[in-house]
């Protein structure tokens, strides 16, 4: 079962010496508007065919626009045997509102 992480907690975690992977599952046109720095970018529909690009042992937090698509992807990854998976609640929109207002909202 995937965990949940707030954007504020994610900000702290990515500043640690061994940060988690942030998997951005938004579409390329969305990422072009509001990029999450350092994220692995795999659109939601491409995740099944690109599982090999993800480290099964890594801690991975999945991000989308508001947290719905990422919740589905986090659940899917968990079903595929990934054990350290979490969903970023509120997505990039919450990141912009609560952490980094320089990230555009859309």
C-alpha atoms as a PDB file:
ATOM      1  CA  UNK A   1       0.000   0.000   0.000  1.00  0.00           C
ATOM      2  CA  UNK A   2       1.590   3.312  -1.027  1.00  0.00           C
ATOM      3  CA  UNK A   3       2.136   5.977   1.587  1.00  0.00           C
ATOM      4  CA  UNK A   4       1.212   9.668   1.264  1.00  0.00           C
ATOM      5  CA  UNK A   5       3.572  12.609   1.644  1.00  0.00           C
ATOM      6  CA  UNK A   6       2.785  16.300   1.846  1.00  0.00           C
ATOM      7  CA  UNK A   7       4.661  18.748  -0.340  1.00  0.00           C
ATOM      8  CA  UNK A   8       6.221  20.332   2.752  1.00  0.00           C
ATOM      9  CA  UNK A   9       7.536  16.965   3.931  1.00  0.00           C
ATOM     10  CA  UNK A  10       8.752  16.202   0.406  1.00  0.00           C
ATOM     11  CA  UNK A  11      10.698  19.477   0.391  1.00  0.00           C
ATOM     12  CA  UNK A  12      12.543  18.320   3.528  1.00  0.00           C
ATOM     13  CA  UNK A  13      13.138  14.826   2.176  1.00  0.00           C
ATOM     14  CA  UNK A  14      14.639  15.982  -1.140  1.00  0.00           C
ATOM     15  CA  UNK A  15      17.098  18.168   0.786  1.00  0.00           C
ATOM     16  CA  UNK A  16      18.498  15.108   2.609  1.00  0.00           C
ATOM     17  CA  UNK A  17      21.853  13.529   1.650  1.00  0.00           C
ATOM     18  CA  UNK A  18      20.035  10.529   0.102  1.00  0.00           C
ATOM     19  CA  UNK A  19      16.875  12.038  -1.385  1.00  0.00           C
ATOM     20  CA  UNK A  20      14.002   9.936  -2.713  1.00  0.00           C
ATOM     21  CA  UNK A  21      13.188   9.741  -6.404  1.00  0.00           C
ATOM     22  CA  UNK A  22      10.357  12.023  -7.517  1.00  0.00           C
ATOM     23  CA  UNK A  23       8.473  10.443 -10.412  1.00  0.00           C
ATOM     24  CA  UNK A  24       6.471  13.047 -12.345  1.00  0.00           C
ATOM     25  CA  UNK A  25       3.687  11.306 -14.287  1.00  0.00           C
ATOM     26  CA  UNK A  26       2.190  14.409 -15.923  1.00  0.00           C
ATOM     27  CA  UNK A  27       2.069  14.883 -19.678  1.00  0.00           C
ATOM     28  CA  UNK A  28       4.972  16.684 -21.431  1.00  0.00           C
ATOM     29  CA  UNK A  29       2.843  19.781 -22.117  1.00  0.00           C
ATOM     30  CA  UNK A  30       2.077  20.053 -18.378  1.00  0.00           C
ATOM     31  CA  UNK A  31       5.715  19.633 -17.410  1.00  0.00           C
ATOM     32  CA  UNK A  32       6.621  22.375 -19.906  1.00  0.00           C
ATOM     33  CA  UNK A  33       4.425  24.774 -17.903  1.00  0.00           C
ATOM     34  CA  UNK A  34       5.571  23.772 -14.418  1.00  0.00           C
ATOM     35  CA  UNK A  35       8.646  21.577 -14.070  1.00  0.00           C
ATOM     36  CA  UNK A  36       9.563  19.792 -10.833  1.00  0.00           C
ATOM     37  CA  UNK A  37      13.373  20.076 -10.598  1.00  0.00           C
ATOM     38  CA  UNK A  38      15.220  16.781 -10.654  1.00  0.00           C
ATOM     39  CA  UNK A  39      12.145  14.616 -11.227  1.00  0.00           C
ATOM     40  CA  UNK A  40      12.132  11.504 -13.379  1.00  0.00           C
ATOM     41  CA  UNK A  41       9.525  12.324 -16.038  1.00  0.00           C
ATOM     42  CA  UNK A  42       7.410   9.415 -17.312  1.00  0.00           C
ATOM     43  CA  UNK A  43       3.839  10.177 -18.437  1.00  0.00           C
ATOM     44  CA  UNK A  44       1.241   8.053 -16.652  1.00  0.00           C
ATOM     45  CA  UNK A  45       0.302   6.022 -19.746  1.00  0.00           C
ATOM     46  CA  UNK A  46       3.974   5.166 -20.373  1.00  0.00           C
ATOM     47  CA  UNK A  47       4.759   3.865 -16.883  1.00  0.00           C
ATOM     48  CA  UNK A  48       3.917   0.186 -17.619  1.00  0.00           C
ATOM     49  CA  UNK A  49       6.216   0.070 -20.661  1.00  0.00           C
ATOM     50  CA  UNK A  50       9.005   1.951 -18.864  1.00  0.00           C
ATOM     51  CA  UNK A  51       9.122   0.115 -15.511  1.00  0.00           C
ATOM     52  CA  UNK A  52      12.689  -0.933 -16.256  1.00  0.00           C
ATOM     53  CA  UNK A  53      13.799   2.687 -15.898  1.00  0.00           C
ATOM     54  CA  UNK A  54      12.813   2.692 -12.214  1.00  0.00           C
ATOM     55  CA  UNK A  55      14.912   1.228  -9.397  1.00  0.00           C
ATOM     56  CA  UNK A  56      12.723  -1.235  -7.485  1.00  0.00           C
ATOM     57  CA  UNK A  57      14.787  -0.637  -4.347  1.00  0.00           C
ATOM     58  CA  UNK A  58      14.571   3.145  -4.424  1.00  0.00           C
ATOM     59  CA  UNK A  59      12.162   5.226  -2.404  1.00  0.00           C
ATOM     60  CA  UNK A  60       9.879   6.801  -5.016  1.00  0.00           C
ATOM     61  CA  UNK A  61       7.297   9.552  -4.556  1.00  0.00           C
ATOM     62  CA  UNK A  62       4.871   9.957  -7.469  1.00  0.00           C
ATOM     63  CA  UNK A  63       3.735  13.452  -8.472  1.00  0.00           C
ATOM     64  CA  UNK A  64       1.076  14.781 -10.858  1.00  0.00           C
ATOM     65  CA  UNK A  65      -1.052  17.931 -11.081  1.00  0.00           C
ATOM     66  CA  UNK A  66      -3.321  17.447  -8.051  1.00  0.00           C
ATOM     67  CA  UNK A  67      -2.498  13.949  -6.769  1.00  0.00           C
ATOM     68  CA  UNK A  68      -5.103  11.758  -8.455  1.00  0.00           C
ATOM     69  CA  UNK A  69      -3.099  10.283 -11.348  1.00  0.00           C
ATOM     70  CA  UNK A  70      -0.079   9.890  -9.091  1.00  0.00           C
ATOM     71  CA  UNK A  71      -2.181   7.938  -6.564  1.00  0.00           C
ATOM     72  CA  UNK A  72      -3.158   5.506  -9.333  1.00  0.00           C
ATOM     73  CA  UNK A  73       0.449   5.145 -10.490  1.00  0.00           C
ATOM     74  CA  UNK A  74       1.686   4.661  -6.915  1.00  0.00           C
ATOM     75  CA  UNK A  75      -0.881   1.883  -6.446  1.00  0.00           C
ATOM     76  CA  UNK A  76       0.155   0.302  -9.759  1.00  0.00           C
ATOM     77  CA  UNK A  77       3.837   0.383  -8.802  1.00  0.00           C
ATOM     78  CA  UNK A  78       3.005  -1.194  -5.468  1.00  0.00           C
ATOM     79  CA  UNK A  79       1.138  -3.980  -7.294  1.00  0.00           C
ATOM     80  CA  UNK A  80       4.237  -4.475  -9.467  1.00  0.00           C
ATOM     81  CA  UNK A  81       6.398  -5.190  -6.416  1.00  0.00           C
ATOM     82  CA  UNK A  82       7.812  -1.750  -5.653  1.00  0.00           C
ATOM     83  CA  UNK A  83       7.834  -1.519  -1.856  1.00  0.00           C
ATOM     84  CA  UNK A  84       8.951   2.045  -1.095  1.00  0.00           C
ATOM     85  CA  UNK A  85       6.285   4.022  -2.951  1.00  0.00           C
ATOM     86  CA  UNK A  86       4.413   7.154  -1.955  1.00  0.00           C
ATOM     87  CA  UNK A  87       1.994   9.648  -3.458  1.00  0.00           C
ATOM     88  CA  UNK A  88       2.574  13.414  -3.277  1.00  0.00           C
ATOM     89  CA  UNK A  89      -0.738  14.785  -2.001  1.00  0.00           C
ATOM     90  CA  UNK A  90      -1.872  17.898  -3.837  1.00  0.00           C
ATOM     91  CA  UNK A  91       0.712  17.443  -6.596  1.00  0.00           C
ATOM     92  CA  UNK A  92       2.560  20.252  -8.344  1.00  0.00           C
ATOM     93  CA  UNK A  93      -0.339  22.599  -7.606  1.00  0.00           C
ATOM     94  CA  UNK A  94       0.185  22.218  -3.842  1.00  0.00           C
ATOM     95  CA  UNK A  95       3.948  22.549  -4.384  1.00  0.00           C
ATOM     96  CA  UNK A  96       3.368  25.911  -6.069  1.00  0.00           C
ATOM     97  CA  UNK A  97       0.941  27.097  -3.376  1.00  0.00           C
ATOM     98  CA  UNK A  98       2.791  25.884  -0.273  1.00  0.00           C
ATOM     99  CA  UNK A  99       6.474  25.451  -1.153  1.00  0.00           C
ATOM    100  CA  UNK A 100       7.639  27.295  -4.267  1.00  0.00           C
ATOM    101  CA  UNK A 101       5.408  30.082  -5.618  1.00  0.00           C
ATOM    102  CA  UNK A 102       7.815  30.587  -8.535  1.00  0.00           C
ATOM    103  CA  UNK A 103       6.384  27.368 -10.038  1.00  0.00           C
ATOM    104  CA  UNK A 104       3.479  28.426 -12.289  1.00  0.00           C
ATOM    105  CA  UNK A 105      -0.017  27.173 -11.521  1.00  0.00           C
ATOM    106  CA  UNK A 106      -2.253  25.906 -14.314  1.00  0.00           C
END
